[in-house]
Amino acid sequence: MNIVGRQLEADGFEFMAINSKPKKDPQYVCLKEKILHFIVVRNVTFPDNPNEYDEALMQKVKNHADKFEAKTYFAGVGLSNASDQNLPVYLNEEYIVEYQGLIEI
């Protein structure tokens, strides 16, 4: 979430709500240029594709966002161990981030 949050902030989004609880969507509700944005964040580990998302979940979030005339986005973040992508990502060790940006739903 920190990776996506820093990018949103750099892109001029104003945070209205942040939710880091597991299974509670969306993670970010933001305002930019007077438009509300709902953003779902998911992280995956190598070799999973961070740009693939649960279509049913995203449609549910989009239906909810539509009630507020908000845009809906998915932000997938891939993480892998920097020394060996087949090893888990460990706290306080280097890692590789694969993040392509927001995917509009």
PDB file of N, CA and C in Angstrom:
ATOM      1  N   MET A   1       0.822  -1.199   0.000  1.00  0.00           N
ATOM      2  CA  MET A   1       0.000   0.000   0.000  1.00  0.00           C
ATOM      3  C   MET A   1       0.860   1.254   0.000  1.00  0.00           C
ATOM      4  N   ASN A   2       2.019   1.197   0.669  1.00  0.00           N
ATOM      5  CA  ASN A   2       2.884   2.375   0.722  1.00  0.00           C
ATOM      6  C   ASN A   2       3.372   2.782  -0.661  1.00  0.00           C
ATOM      7  N   ILE A   3       3.693   1.797  -1.489  1.00  0.00           N
ATOM      8  CA  ILE A   3       4.178   2.070  -2.840  1.00  0.00           C
ATOM      9  C   ILE A   3       3.109   2.814  -3.632  1.00  0.00           C
ATOM     10  N   VAL A   4       1.898   2.322  -3.593  1.00  0.00           N
ATOM     11  CA  VAL A   4       0.785   2.949  -4.321  1.00  0.00           C
ATOM     12  C   VAL A   4       0.460   4.306  -3.703  1.00  0.00           C
ATOM     13  N   GLY A   5       0.432   4.393  -2.396  1.00  0.00           N
ATOM     14  CA  GLY A   5       0.120   5.650  -1.711  1.00  0.00           C
ATOM     15  C   GLY A   5       1.094   6.763  -2.064  1.00  0.00           C
ATOM     16  N   ARG A   6       2.386   6.441  -2.112  1.00  0.00           N
ATOM     17  CA  ARG A   6       3.380   7.457  -2.488  1.00  0.00           C
ATOM     18  C   ARG A   6       3.158   7.938  -3.923  1.00  0.00           C
ATOM     19  N   GLN A   7       2.812   7.010  -4.817  1.00  0.00           N
ATOM     20  CA  GLN A   7       2.564   7.385  -6.212  1.00  0.00           C
ATOM     21  C   GLN A   7       1.311   8.253  -6.325  1.00  0.00           C
ATOM     22  N   LEU A   8       0.266   7.897  -5.609  1.00  0.00           N
ATOM     23  CA  LEU A   8      -0.960   8.701  -5.630  1.00  0.00           C
ATOM     24  C   LEU A   8      -0.683  10.116  -5.136  1.00  0.00           C
ATOM     25  N   GLU A   9       0.051  10.214  -4.056  1.00  0.00           N
ATOM     26  CA  GLU A   9       0.388  11.521  -3.498  1.00  0.00           C
ATOM     27  C   GLU A   9       1.202  12.347  -4.499  1.00  0.00           C
ATOM     28  N   ALA A  10       2.172  11.716  -5.144  1.00  0.00           N
ATOM     29  CA  ALA A  10       2.997  12.406  -6.140  1.00  0.00           C
ATOM     30  C   ALA A  10       2.162  12.861  -7.338  1.00  0.00           C
ATOM     31  N   ASP A  11       1.098  12.112  -7.650  1.00  0.00           N
ATOM     32  CA  ASP A  11       0.235  12.438  -8.786  1.00  0.00           C
ATOM     33  C   ASP A  11      -0.871  13.436  -8.430  1.00  0.00           C
ATOM     34  N   GLY A  12      -0.869  13.928  -7.189  1.00  0.00           N
ATOM     35  CA  GLY A  12      -1.807  14.971  -6.811  1.00  0.00           C
ATOM     36  C   GLY A  12      -3.142  14.498  -6.266  1.00  0.00           C
ATOM     37  N   PHE A  13      -3.250  13.237  -5.875  1.00  0.00           N
ATOM     38  CA  PHE A  13      -4.490  12.741  -5.277  1.00  0.00           C
ATOM     39  C   PHE A  13      -4.572  13.208  -3.820  1.00  0.00           C
ATOM     40  N   GLU A  14      -5.770  13.565  -3.386  1.00  0.00           N
ATOM     41  CA  GLU A  14      -6.028  13.927  -1.997  1.00  0.00           C
ATOM     42  C   GLU A  14      -6.725  12.749  -1.330  1.00  0.00           C
ATOM     43  N   PHE A  15      -6.158  12.251  -0.243  1.00  0.00           N
ATOM     44  CA  PHE A  15      -6.709  11.077   0.431  1.00  0.00           C
ATOM     45  C   PHE A  15      -7.921  11.467   1.273  1.00  0.00           C
ATOM     46  N   MET A  16      -9.048  10.810   0.986  1.00  0.00           N
ATOM     47  CA  MET A  16     -10.267  11.016   1.752  1.00  0.00           C
ATOM     48  C   MET A  16     -10.412   9.925   2.823  1.00  0.00           C
ATOM     49  N   ALA A  17      -9.998   8.702   2.443  1.00  0.00           N
ATOM     50  CA  ALA A  17     -10.048   7.566   3.375  1.00  0.00           C
ATOM     51  C   ALA A  17      -8.986   6.559   2.965  1.00  0.00           C
ATOM     52  N   ILE A  18      -8.374   5.941   3.976  1.00  0.00           N
ATOM     53  CA  ILE A  18      -7.377   4.894   3.745  1.00  0.00           C
ATOM     54  C   ILE A  18      -7.773   3.715   4.616  1.00  0.00           C
ATOM     55  N   ASN A  19      -7.838   2.531   3.996  1.00  0.00           N
ATOM     56  CA  ASN A  19      -8.237   1.335   4.728  1.00  0.00           C
ATOM     57  C   ASN A  19      -7.204   0.244   4.495  1.00  0.00           C
ATOM     58  N   SER A  20      -6.469  -0.117   5.536  1.00  0.00           N
ATOM     59  CA  SER A  20      -5.445  -1.153   5.404  1.00  0.00           C
ATOM     60  C   SER A  20      -5.881  -2.505   5.977  1.00  0.00           C
ATOM     61  N   LYS A  21      -7.149  -2.621   6.338  1.00  0.00           N
ATOM     62  CA  LYS A  21      -7.640  -3.888   6.871  1.00  0.00           C
ATOM     63  C   LYS A  21      -7.782  -4.913   5.746  1.00  0.00           C
ATOM     64  N   PRO A  22      -7.320  -6.148   5.971  1.00  0.00           N
ATOM     65  CA  PRO A  22      -7.457  -7.178   4.931  1.00  0.00           C
ATOM     66  C   PRO A  22      -8.931  -7.410   4.566  1.00  0.00           C
ATOM     67  N   LYS A  23      -9.155  -7.642   3.281  1.00  0.00           N
ATOM     68  CA  LYS A  23     -10.488  -7.952   2.743  1.00  0.00           C
ATOM     69  C   LYS A  23     -11.469  -6.788   2.853  1.00  0.00           C
ATOM     70  N   LYS A  24     -10.990  -5.590   3.118  1.00  0.00           N
ATOM     71  CA  LYS A  24     -11.837  -4.404   3.193  1.00  0.00           C
ATOM     72  C   LYS A  24     -11.482  -3.508   2.015  1.00  0.00           C
ATOM     73  N   ASP A  25     -12.417  -3.346   1.087  1.00  0.00           N
ATOM     74  CA  ASP A  25     -12.139  -2.635  -0.149  1.00  0.00           C
ATOM     75  C   ASP A  25     -13.051  -1.426  -0.298  1.00  0.00           C
ATOM     76  N   PRO A  26     -12.619  -0.371  -0.932  1.00  0.00           N
ATOM     77  CA  PRO A  26     -11.293  -0.138  -1.487  1.00  0.00           C
ATOM     78  C   PRO A  26     -10.289   0.283  -0.411  1.00  0.00           C
ATOM     79  N   GLN A  27      -8.988   0.210  -0.758  1.00  0.00           N
ATOM     80  CA  GLN A  27      -7.958   0.626   0.189  1.00  0.00           C
ATOM     81  C   GLN A  27      -7.842   2.152   0.239  1.00  0.00           C
ATOM     82  N   TYR A  28      -8.035   2.789  -0.909  1.00  0.00           N
ATOM     83  CA  TYR A  28      -7.959   4.255  -0.973  1.00  0.00           C
ATOM     84  C   TYR A  28      -9.231   4.832  -1.581  1.00  0.00           C
ATOM     85  N   VAL A  29      -9.725   5.886  -0.967  1.00  0.00           N
ATOM     86  CA  VAL A  29     -10.759   6.727  -1.561  1.00  0.00           C
ATOM     87  C   VAL A  29     -10.104   8.099  -1.647  1.00  0.00           C
ATOM     88  N   CYS A  30      -9.966   8.579  -2.891  1.00  0.00           N
ATOM     89  CA  CYS A  30      -9.213   9.806  -3.126  1.00  0.00           C
ATOM     90  C   CYS A  30     -10.022  10.788  -3.961  1.00  0.00           C
ATOM     91  N   LEU A  31      -9.589  12.030  -3.888  1.00  0.00           N
ATOM     92  CA  LEU A  31     -10.184  13.089  -4.685  1.00  0.00           C
ATOM     93  C   LEU A  31      -9.072  13.713  -5.526  1.00  0.00           C
ATOM     94  N   LYS A  32      -9.366  13.884  -6.815  1.00  0.00           N
ATOM     95  CA  LYS A  32      -8.431  14.574  -7.708  1.00  0.00           C
ATOM     96  C   LYS A  32      -9.261  15.308  -8.751  1.00  0.00           C
ATOM     97  N   GLU A  33      -8.996  16.600  -8.868  1.00  0.00           N
ATOM     98  CA  GLU A  33      -9.720  17.434  -9.818  1.00  0.00           C
ATOM     99  C   GLU A  33     -11.237  17.300  -9.638  1.00  0.00           C
ATOM    100  N   LYS A  34     -11.674  17.290  -8.378  1.00  0.00           N
ATOM    101  CA  LYS A  34     -13.083  17.219  -7.988  1.00  0.00           C
ATOM    102  C   LYS A  34     -13.771  15.918  -8.402  1.00  0.00           C
ATOM    103  N   ILE A  35     -12.981  14.880  -8.699  1.00  0.00           N
ATOM    104  CA  ILE A  35     -13.525  13.564  -9.054  1.00  0.00           C
ATOM    105  C   ILE A  35     -13.090  12.574  -7.982  1.00  0.00           C
ATOM    106  N   LEU A  36     -14.051  11.777  -7.511  1.00  0.00           N
ATOM    107  CA  LEU A  36     -13.782  10.763  -6.504  1.00  0.00           C
ATOM    108  C   LEU A  36     -13.220   9.505  -7.168  1.00  0.00           C
ATOM    109  N   HIS A  37     -12.228   8.877  -6.535  1.00  0.00           N
ATOM    110  CA  HIS A  37     -11.578   7.676  -7.061  1.00  0.00           C
ATOM    111  C   HIS A  37     -11.540   6.604  -5.976  1.00  0.00           C
ATOM    112  N   PHE A  38     -11.966   5.390  -6.326  1.00  0.00           N
ATOM    113  CA  PHE A  38     -11.873   4.231  -5.443  1.00  0.00           C
ATOM    114  C   PHE A  38     -10.743   3.358  -5.983  1.00  0.00           C
ATOM    115  N   ILE A  39      -9.777   3.015  -5.127  1.00  0.00           N
ATOM    116  CA  ILE A  39      -8.601   2.271  -5.575  1.00  0.00           C
ATOM    117  C   ILE A  39      -8.408   1.030  -4.712  1.00  0.00           C
ATOM    118  N   VAL A  40      -8.410  -0.121  -5.375  1.00  0.00           N
ATOM    119  CA  VAL A  40      -8.173  -1.401  -4.717  1.00  0.00           C
ATOM    120  C   VAL A  40      -6.708  -1.776  -4.952  1.00  0.00           C
ATOM    121  N   VAL A  41      -6.000  -2.101  -3.881  1.00  0.00           N
ATOM    122  CA  VAL A  41      -4.581  -2.458  -3.968  1.00  0.00           C
ATOM    123  C   VAL A  41      -4.416  -3.925  -3.580  1.00  0.00           C
ATOM    124  N   ARG A  42      -3.647  -4.649  -4.388  1.00  0.00           N
ATOM    125  CA  ARG A  42      -3.304  -6.035  -4.074  1.00  0.00           C
ATOM    126  C   ARG A  42      -1.832  -6.247  -4.377  1.00  0.00           C
ATOM    127  N   ASN A  43      -1.156  -6.981  -3.506  1.00  0.00           N
ATOM    128  CA  ASN A  43       0.223  -7.351  -3.793  1.00  0.00           C
ATOM    129  C   ASN A  43       0.292  -8.849  -4.083  1.00  0.00           C
ATOM    130  N   VAL A  44       1.210  -9.209  -4.956  1.00  0.00           N
ATOM    131  CA  VAL A  44       1.443 -10.608  -5.296  1.00  0.00           C
ATOM    132  C   VAL A  44       2.939 -10.858  -5.276  1.00  0.00           C
ATOM    133  N   THR A  45       3.310 -12.109  -5.105  1.00  0.00           N
ATOM    134  CA  THR A  45       4.721 -12.474  -5.135  1.00  0.00           C
ATOM    135  C   THR A  45       5.047 -13.155  -6.452  1.00  0.00           C
ATOM    136  N   PHE A  46       6.308 -13.097  -6.815  1.00  0.00           N
ATOM    137  CA  PHE A  46       6.799 -13.732  -8.038  1.00  0.00           C
ATOM    138  C   PHE A  46       6.438 -15.204  -8.008  1.00  0.00           C
ATOM    139  N   PRO A  47       5.955 -15.805  -9.059  1.00  0.00           N
ATOM    140  CA  PRO A  47       5.858 -15.345 -10.437  1.00  0.00           C
ATOM    141  C   PRO A  47       4.458 -14.844 -10.831  1.00  0.00           C
ATOM    142  N   ASP A  48       3.578 -14.594  -9.862  1.00  0.00           N
ATOM    143  CA  ASP A  48       2.223 -14.130 -10.196  1.00  0.00           C
ATOM    144  C   ASP A  48       2.263 -12.763 -10.884  1.00  0.00           C
ATOM    145  N   ASN A  49       1.284 -12.520 -11.753  1.00  0.00           N
ATOM    146  CA  ASN A  49       1.194 -11.279 -12.510  1.00  0.00           C
ATOM    147  C   ASN A  49       0.439 -10.231 -11.688  1.00  0.00           C
ATOM    148  N   PRO A  50       1.091  -9.124 -11.339  1.00  0.00           N
ATOM    149  CA  PRO A  50       0.419  -8.101 -10.518  1.00  0.00           C
ATOM    150  C   PRO A  50      -0.696  -7.361 -11.243  1.00  0.00           C
ATOM    151  N   ASN A  51      -0.790  -7.506 -12.550  1.00  0.00           N
ATOM    152  CA  ASN A  51      -1.827  -6.802 -13.305  1.00  0.00           C
ATOM    153  C   ASN A  51      -3.103  -7.615 -13.469  1.00  0.00           C
ATOM    154  N   GLU A  52      -3.117  -8.853 -13.008  1.00  0.00           N
ATOM    155  CA  GLU A  52      -4.329  -9.669 -13.054  1.00  0.00           C
ATOM    156  C   GLU A  52      -5.118  -9.448 -11.772  1.00  0.00           C
ATOM    157  N   TYR A  53      -6.424  -9.279 -11.925  1.00  0.00           N
ATOM    158  CA  TYR A  53      -7.255  -8.997 -10.758  1.00  0.00           C
ATOM    159  C   TYR A  53      -8.515  -9.851 -10.777  1.00  0.00           C
ATOM    160  N   ASP A  54      -9.157  -9.925  -9.630  1.00  0.00           N
ATOM    161  CA  ASP A  54     -10.403 -10.652  -9.450  1.00  0.00           C
ATOM    162  C   ASP A  54     -11.529  -9.808 -10.059  1.00  0.00           C
ATOM    163  N   GLU A  55     -12.023 -10.242 -11.209  1.00  0.00           N
ATOM    164  CA  GLU A  55     -13.034  -9.459 -11.930  1.00  0.00           C
ATOM    165  C   GLU A  55     -14.324  -9.299 -11.138  1.00  0.00           C
ATOM    166  N   ALA A  56     -14.740 -10.337 -10.417  1.00  0.00           N
ATOM    167  CA  ALA A  56     -15.973 -10.245  -9.629  1.00  0.00           C
ATOM    168  C   ALA A  56     -15.825  -9.208  -8.514  1.00  0.00           C
ATOM    169  N   LEU A  57     -14.692  -9.219  -7.831  1.00  0.00           N
ATOM    170  CA  LEU A  57     -14.441  -8.240  -6.771  1.00  0.00           C
ATOM    171  C   LEU A  57     -14.427  -6.832  -7.340  1.00  0.00           C
ATOM    172  N   MET A  58     -13.730  -6.645  -8.434  1.00  0.00           N
ATOM    173  CA  MET A  58     -13.611  -5.312  -9.000  1.00  0.00           C
ATOM    174  C   MET A  58     -14.960  -4.803  -9.520  1.00  0.00           C
ATOM    175  N   GLN A  59     -15.792  -5.699 -10.023  1.00  0.00           N
ATOM    176  CA  GLN A  59     -17.129  -5.277 -10.470  1.00  0.00           C
ATOM    177  C   GLN A  59     -17.976  -4.863  -9.276  1.00  0.00           C
ATOM    178  N   LYS A  60     -17.829  -5.573  -8.167  1.00  0.00           N
ATOM    179  CA  LYS A  60     -18.552  -5.219  -6.943  1.00  0.00           C
ATOM    180  C   LYS A  60     -18.128  -3.826  -6.458  1.00  0.00           C
ATOM    181  N   VAL A  61     -16.818  -3.560  -6.462  1.00  0.00           N
ATOM    182  CA  VAL A  61     -16.312  -2.253  -6.038  1.00  0.00           C
ATOM    183  C   VAL A  61     -16.786  -1.173  -7.015  1.00  0.00           C
ATOM    184  N   LYS A  62     -16.753  -1.484  -8.316  1.00  0.00           N
ATOM    185  CA  LYS A  62     -17.203  -0.521  -9.327  1.00  0.00           C
ATOM    186  C   LYS A  62     -18.681  -0.181  -9.146  1.00  0.00           C
ATOM    187  N   ASN A  63     -19.509  -1.181  -8.884  1.00  0.00           N
ATOM    188  CA  ASN A  63     -20.931  -0.934  -8.655  1.00  0.00           C
ATOM    189  C   ASN A  63     -21.138   0.006  -7.469  1.00  0.00           C
ATOM    190  N   HIS A  64     -20.349  -0.200  -6.424  1.00  0.00           N
ATOM    191  CA  HIS A  64     -20.430   0.663  -5.242  1.00  0.00           C
ATOM    192  C   HIS A  64     -19.946   2.074  -5.598  1.00  0.00           C
ATOM    193  N   ALA A  65     -18.838   2.170  -6.335  1.00  0.00           N
ATOM    194  CA  ALA A  65     -18.276   3.462  -6.721  1.00  0.00           C
ATOM    195  C   ALA A  65     -19.245   4.243  -7.602  1.00  0.00           C
ATOM    196  N   ASP A  66     -19.957   3.534  -8.466  1.00  0.00           N
ATOM    197  CA  ASP A  66     -20.906   4.194  -9.368  1.00  0.00           C
ATOM    198  C   ASP A  66     -21.982   4.967  -8.604  1.00  0.00           C
ATOM    199  N   LYS A  67     -22.342   4.474  -7.422  1.00  0.00           N
ATOM    200  CA  LYS A  67     -23.339   5.163  -6.602  1.00  0.00           C
ATOM    201  C   LYS A  67     -22.850   6.541  -6.157  1.00  0.00           C
ATOM    202  N   PHE A  68     -21.520   6.710  -6.127  1.00  0.00           N
ATOM    203  CA  PHE A  68     -20.917   7.976  -5.714  1.00  0.00           C
ATOM    204  C   PHE A  68     -20.324   8.736  -6.909  1.00  0.00           C
ATOM    205  N   GLU A  69     -20.642   8.261  -8.106  1.00  0.00           N
ATOM    206  CA  GLU A  69     -20.092   8.825  -9.335  1.00  0.00           C
ATOM    207  C   GLU A  69     -18.568   8.872  -9.277  1.00  0.00           C
ATOM    208  N   ALA A  70     -17.981   7.790  -8.754  1.00  0.00           N
ATOM    209  CA  ALA A  70     -16.532   7.692  -8.592  1.00  0.00           C
ATOM    210  C   ALA A  70     -15.934   6.781  -9.658  1.00  0.00           C
ATOM    211  N   LYS A  71     -14.676   7.005  -9.961  1.00  0.00           N
ATOM    212  CA  LYS A  71     -13.929   6.125 -10.856  1.00  0.00           C
ATOM    213  C   LYS A  71     -13.343   4.996 -10.024  1.00  0.00           C
ATOM    214  N   THR A  72     -13.155   3.833 -10.658  1.00  0.00           N
ATOM    215  CA  THR A  72     -12.643   2.657  -9.964  1.00  0.00           C
ATOM    216  C   THR A  72     -11.343   2.213 -10.604  1.00  0.00           C
ATOM    217  N   TYR A  73     -10.364   1.887  -9.760  1.00  0.00           N
ATOM    218  CA  TYR A  73      -9.056   1.458 -10.251  1.00  0.00           C
ATOM    219  C   TYR A  73      -8.547   0.256  -9.474  1.00  0.00           C
ATOM    220  N   PHE A  74      -7.703  -0.510 -10.151  1.00  0.00           N
ATOM    221  CA  PHE A  74      -6.966  -1.603  -9.516  1.00  0.00           C
ATOM    222  C   PHE A  74      -5.496  -1.242  -9.563  1.00  0.00           C
ATOM    223  N   ALA A  75      -4.802  -1.457  -8.456  1.00  0.00           N
ATOM    224  CA  ALA A  75      -3.364  -1.222  -8.388  1.00  0.00           C
ATOM    225  C   ALA A  75      -2.704  -2.514  -7.909  1.00  0.00           C
ATOM    226  N   GLY A  76      -2.088  -3.239  -8.828  1.00  0.00           N
ATOM    227  CA  GLY A  76      -1.395  -4.477  -8.487  1.00  0.00           C
ATOM    228  C   GLY A  76       0.091  -4.231  -8.312  1.00  0.00           C
ATOM    229  N   VAL A  77       0.638  -4.754  -7.226  1.00  0.00           N
ATOM    230  CA  VAL A  77       2.054  -4.568  -6.928  1.00  0.00           C
ATOM    231  C   VAL A  77       2.696  -5.943  -6.801  1.00  0.00           C
ATOM    232  N   GLY A  78       3.704  -6.192  -7.646  1.00  0.00           N
ATOM    233  CA  GLY A  78       4.456  -7.444  -7.578  1.00  0.00           C
ATOM    234  C   GLY A  78       5.723  -7.242  -6.769  1.00  0.00           C
ATOM    235  N   LEU A  79       5.997  -8.162  -5.872  1.00  0.00           N
ATOM    236  CA  LEU A  79       7.194  -8.093  -5.038  1.00  0.00           C
ATOM    237  C   LEU A  79       7.981  -9.383  -5.169  1.00  0.00           C
ATOM    238  N   SER A  80       9.308  -9.254  -5.258  1.00  0.00           N
ATOM    239  CA  SER A  80      10.158 -10.443  -5.278  1.00  0.00           C
ATOM    240  C   SER A  80      11.475 -10.143  -4.581  1.00  0.00           C
ATOM    241  N   ASN A  81      12.091 -11.179  -4.062  1.00  0.00           N
ATOM    242  CA  ASN A  81      13.376 -11.084  -3.385  1.00  0.00           C
ATOM    243  C   ASN A  81      14.424 -10.628  -4.393  1.00  0.00           C
ATOM    244  N   ALA A  82      15.234  -9.625  -4.037  1.00  0.00           N
ATOM    245  CA  ALA A  82      16.212  -9.069  -4.974  1.00  0.00           C
ATOM    246  C   ALA A  82      17.355 -10.024  -5.275  1.00  0.00           C
ATOM    247  N   SER A  83      17.723 -10.873  -4.332  1.00  0.00           N
ATOM    248  CA  SER A  83      18.852 -11.779  -4.566  1.00  0.00           C
ATOM    249  C   SER A  83      18.439 -13.042  -5.307  1.00  0.00           C
ATOM    250  N   ASP A  84      17.208 -13.498  -5.108  1.00  0.00           N
ATOM    251  CA  ASP A  84      16.702 -14.697  -5.791  1.00  0.00           C
ATOM    252  C   ASP A  84      15.180 -14.610  -5.806  1.00  0.00           C
ATOM    253  N   GLN A  85      14.610 -14.429  -6.995  1.00  0.00           N
ATOM    254  CA  GLN A  85      13.159 -14.241  -7.088  1.00  0.00           C
ATOM    255  C   GLN A  85      12.367 -15.439  -6.589  1.00  0.00           C
ATOM    256  N   ASN A  86      12.992 -16.584  -6.456  1.00  0.00           N
ATOM    257  CA  ASN A  86      12.286 -17.770  -5.973  1.00  0.00           C
ATOM    258  C   ASN A  86      12.214 -17.835  -4.454  1.00  0.00           C
ATOM    259  N   LEU A  87      12.969 -16.972  -3.770  1.00  0.00           N
ATOM    260  CA  LEU A  87      12.923 -16.898  -2.310  1.00  0.00           C
ATOM    261  C   LEU A  87      11.839 -15.916  -1.879  1.00  0.00           C
ATOM    262  N   PRO A  88      11.315 -16.074  -0.676  1.00  0.00           N
ATOM    263  CA  PRO A  88      10.304 -15.119  -0.175  1.00  0.00           C
ATOM    264  C   PRO A  88      10.915 -13.729   0.038  1.00  0.00           C
ATOM    265  N   VAL A  89      10.057 -12.744   0.141  1.00  0.00           N
ATOM    266  CA  VAL A  89      10.482 -11.386   0.471  1.00  0.00           C
ATOM    267  C   VAL A  89      10.559 -11.308   1.990  1.00  0.00           C
ATOM    268  N   TYR A  90      11.734 -10.920   2.485  1.00  0.00           N
ATOM    269  CA  TYR A  90      11.946 -10.839   3.928  1.00  0.00           C
ATOM    270  C   TYR A  90      12.026  -9.386   4.371  1.00  0.00           C
ATOM    271  N   LEU A  91      11.569  -9.130   5.593  1.00  0.00           N
ATOM    272  CA  LEU A  91      11.644  -7.805   6.184  1.00  0.00           C
ATOM    273  C   LEU A  91      13.101  -7.373   6.268  1.00  0.00           C
ATOM    274  N   ASN A  92      13.373  -6.121   5.955  1.00  0.00           N
ATOM    275  CA  ASN A  92      14.711  -5.528   6.013  1.00  0.00           C
ATOM    276  C   ASN A  92      15.704  -6.128   5.020  1.00  0.00           C
ATOM    277  N   GLU A  93      15.220  -6.751   3.966  1.00  0.00           N
ATOM    278  CA  GLU A  93      16.075  -7.215   2.877  1.00  0.00           C
ATOM    279  C   GLU A  93      15.615  -6.550   1.587  1.00  0.00           C
ATOM    280  N   GLU A  94      16.534  -6.448   0.634  1.00  0.00           N
ATOM    281  CA  GLU A  94      16.204  -5.804  -0.628  1.00  0.00           C
ATOM    282  C   GLU A  94      15.169  -6.615  -1.400  1.00  0.00           C
ATOM    283  N   TYR A  95      14.313  -5.895  -2.111  1.00  0.00           N
ATOM    284  CA  TYR A  95      13.281  -6.546  -2.908  1.00  0.00           C
ATOM    285  C   TYR A  95      13.090  -5.770  -4.207  1.00  0.00           C
ATOM    286  N   ILE A  96      12.466  -6.420  -5.174  1.00  0.00           N
ATOM    287  CA  ILE A  96      12.168  -5.819  -6.466  1.00  0.00           C
ATOM    288  C   ILE A  96      10.673  -5.550  -6.522  1.00  0.00           C
ATOM    289  N   VAL A  97      10.305  -4.372  -7.010  1.00  0.00           N
ATOM    290  CA  VAL A  97       8.907  -3.971  -7.125  1.00  0.00           C
ATOM    291  C   VAL A  97       8.527  -3.920  -8.601  1.00  0.00           C
ATOM    292  N   GLU A  98       7.393  -4.534  -8.930  1.00  0.00           N
ATOM    293  CA  GLU A  98       6.820  -4.400 -10.270  1.00  0.00           C
ATOM    294  C   GLU A  98       5.453  -3.737 -10.095  1.00  0.00           C
ATOM    295  N   TYR A  99       5.387  -2.476 -10.515  1.00  0.00           N
ATOM    296  CA  TYR A  99       4.146  -1.727 -10.395  1.00  0.00           C
ATOM    297  C   TYR A  99       3.981  -0.899 -11.654  1.00  0.00           C
ATOM    298  N   GLN A 100       2.919  -1.170 -12.404  1.00  0.00           N
ATOM    299  CA  GLN A 100       2.681  -0.508 -13.679  1.00  0.00           C
ATOM    300  C   GLN A 100       1.770   0.708 -13.569  1.00  0.00           C
ATOM    301  N   GLY A 101       1.214   0.946 -12.390  1.00  0.00           N
ATOM    302  CA  GLY A 101       0.301   2.066 -12.214  1.00  0.00           C
ATOM    303  C   GLY A 101      -1.139   1.598 -12.098  1.00  0.00           C
ATOM    304  N   LEU A 102      -2.048   2.550 -12.092  1.00  0.00           N
ATOM    305  CA  LEU A 102      -3.469   2.251 -11.926  1.00  0.00           C
ATOM    306  C   LEU A 102      -4.074   1.679 -13.192  1.00  0.00           C
ATOM    307  N   ILE A 103      -4.945   0.690 -13.014  1.00  0.00           N
ATOM    308  CA  ILE A 103      -5.712   0.107 -14.115  1.00  0.00           C
ATOM    309  C   ILE A 103      -7.159   0.521 -13.888  1.00  0.00           C
ATOM    310  N   GLU A 104      -7.715   1.274 -14.824  1.00  0.00           N
ATOM    311  CA  GLU A 104      -9.102   1.731 -14.669  1.00  0.00           C
ATOM    312  C   GLU A 104     -10.057   0.591 -14.981  1.00  0.00           C
ATOM    313  N   ILE A 105     -11.070   0.447 -14.158  1.00  0.00           N
ATOM    314  CA  ILE A 105     -12.062  -0.615 -14.330  1.00  0.00           C
ATOM    315  C   ILE A 105     -13.298  -0.012 -14.970  1.00  0.00           C
TER     316      ILE A 105
END
